[in-house]
């Protein structure tokens, strides 16, 4: 039984925060896409995005691709893309694929938000 993906959007000090819950995987039913949401924020002029993965229990290669596509879209426009609150299981996937060297990953969302001001 897969947990459906839900993504809530909020803004904190000019940073768009996506609170992600469920599983980020390719599915037969068209669902909300992280990259699609990021694109819509970029179209509105938003350049700083934080993705809170606290509620994500599973991610497949499609999900990793969504995160990478989001990162690339934001980088191309000179923005900042950060991740926070990743479970050990998910962090292992990012380490195996060496994405932990590419992506800006923070243990706490508060620290991640504070790092936007510095960066």
Protein backbone atom coordinates (compact mmCIF):
# COMPACT_ATOMS: atom_id res chain seq x y z
CA UNK A 1 0.00 0.00 0.00
CA UNK A 2 1.53 3.27 -1.08
CA UNK A 3 1.03 6.51 0.78
CA UNK A 4 -0.32 9.21 -1.54
CA UNK A 5 1.85 12.26 -2.03
CA UNK A 6 0.68 15.56 -0.59
CA UNK A 7 2.63 18.79 -0.82
CA UNK A 8 1.68 21.86 1.20
CA UNK A 9 3.12 25.22 0.22
CA UNK A 10 3.89 28.04 2.64
CA UNK A 11 6.18 31.05 2.68
CA UNK A 12 8.65 31.98 5.41
CA UNK A 13 10.64 35.23 5.08
CA UNK A 14 10.57 35.17 1.29
CA UNK A 15 11.45 31.47 1.05
CA UNK A 16 8.90 29.09 -0.49
CA UNK A 17 8.65 26.00 1.72
CA UNK A 18 7.17 22.76 0.41
CA UNK A 19 6.14 20.36 3.18
CA UNK A 20 6.11 16.95 1.49
CA UNK A 21 4.20 13.99 2.89
CA UNK A 22 3.89 10.45 1.56
CA UNK A 23 5.91 8.70 -1.12
CA UNK A 24 7.64 10.39 -4.05
CA UNK A 25 7.34 7.76 -6.75
CA UNK A 26 6.18 7.28 -10.30
CA UNK A 27 2.57 6.18 -10.26
CA UNK A 28 -0.14 5.30 -12.75
CA UNK A 29 -2.39 8.07 -11.49
CA UNK A 30 -1.28 11.57 -12.45
CA UNK A 31 -0.57 13.39 -9.23
CA UNK A 32 0.97 16.59 -8.10
CA UNK A 33 4.63 16.91 -9.04
CA UNK A 34 7.30 18.64 -6.97
CA UNK A 35 9.04 19.94 -10.08
CA UNK A 36 5.72 21.29 -11.42
CA UNK A 37 5.16 23.21 -8.18
CA UNK A 38 8.73 24.55 -8.25
CA UNK A 39 8.24 25.67 -11.87
CA UNK A 40 5.06 27.55 -10.97
CA UNK A 41 6.91 29.36 -8.14
CA UNK A 42 9.77 30.26 -10.51
CA UNK A 43 7.23 31.69 -12.96
CA UNK A 44 5.98 33.91 -10.12
CA UNK A 45 9.51 35.20 -9.54
CA UNK A 46 10.24 33.07 -6.47
CA UNK A 47 13.89 31.91 -6.45
CA UNK A 48 14.44 30.47 -2.94
CA UNK A 49 12.91 27.06 -2.26
CA UNK A 50 13.15 24.76 0.76
CA UNK A 51 11.75 21.23 0.58
CA UNK A 52 10.84 19.67 3.94
CA UNK A 53 11.02 15.89 3.52
CA UNK A 54 10.12 15.02 7.13
CA UNK A 55 6.95 13.20 6.05
CA UNK A 56 8.49 11.24 3.18
CA UNK A 57 8.97 7.53 3.85
CA UNK A 58 9.93 6.41 0.36
CA UNK A 59 11.45 7.85 -2.79
CA UNK A 60 12.19 6.06 -6.06
CA UNK A 61 14.35 7.07 -9.02
CA UNK A 62 11.47 9.15 -10.39
CA UNK A 63 11.34 11.05 -7.09
CA UNK A 64 15.10 11.61 -7.08
CA UNK A 65 14.70 12.91 -10.65
CA UNK A 66 11.98 15.33 -9.50
CA UNK A 67 14.30 16.74 -6.83
CA UNK A 68 17.21 17.03 -9.28
CA UNK A 69 15.04 18.71 -11.93
CA UNK A 70 13.82 21.19 -9.30
CA UNK A 71 17.39 21.89 -8.16
CA UNK A 72 18.55 22.43 -11.76
CA UNK A 73 15.65 24.76 -12.67
CA UNK A 74 16.35 26.94 -9.64
CA UNK A 75 20.15 26.93 -10.14
CA UNK A 76 19.71 28.00 -13.78
CA UNK A 77 17.87 31.11 -12.56
CA UNK A 78 20.41 31.92 -9.83
CA UNK A 79 18.19 30.82 -6.95
CA UNK A 80 18.76 28.55 -3.96
CA UNK A 81 17.28 25.08 -3.45
CA UNK A 82 17.66 23.32 -0.10
CA UNK A 83 16.31 20.19 1.57
CA UNK A 84 15.59 19.63 5.26
CA UNK A 85 14.56 16.89 7.68
CA UNK A 86 15.48 13.90 5.52
CA UNK A 87 15.09 10.47 7.13
CA UNK A 88 18.19 8.28 7.43
CA UNK A 89 16.72 5.93 4.81
CA UNK A 90 16.34 8.74 2.27
CA UNK A 91 19.70 10.26 3.17
CA UNK A 92 21.31 6.89 2.38
CA UNK A 93 19.86 7.07 -1.16
CA UNK A 94 21.29 10.58 -1.58
CA UNK A 95 24.69 9.37 -0.30
CA UNK A 96 24.78 6.32 -2.58
CA UNK A 97 23.98 8.51 -5.61
CA UNK A 98 26.44 11.17 -4.32
CA UNK A 99 23.65 13.74 -4.43
CA UNK A 100 24.47 14.67 -0.84
CA UNK A 101 27.56 16.36 -2.37
CA UNK A 102 25.40 18.36 -4.82
CA UNK A 103 22.29 19.23 -2.83
CA UNK A 104 22.22 21.54 0.18
CA UNK A 105 20.80 19.26 2.90
CA UNK A 106 20.02 20.44 6.44
CA UNK A 107 18.94 18.47 9.52
CA UNK A 108 16.57 21.19 10.70
CA UNK A 109 14.30 23.40 8.63
CA UNK A 110 15.06 26.38 10.89
CA UNK A 111 18.78 26.09 10.14
CA UNK A 112 18.03 25.71 6.44
CA UNK A 113 15.86 28.85 6.47
CA UNK A 114 18.58 30.78 8.32
CA UNK A 115 21.14 29.71 5.70
CA UNK A 116 19.13 31.47 2.95
CA UNK A 117 19.82 34.82 4.60
CA UNK A 118 23.58 34.11 4.69
CA UNK A 119 23.75 32.65 1.21
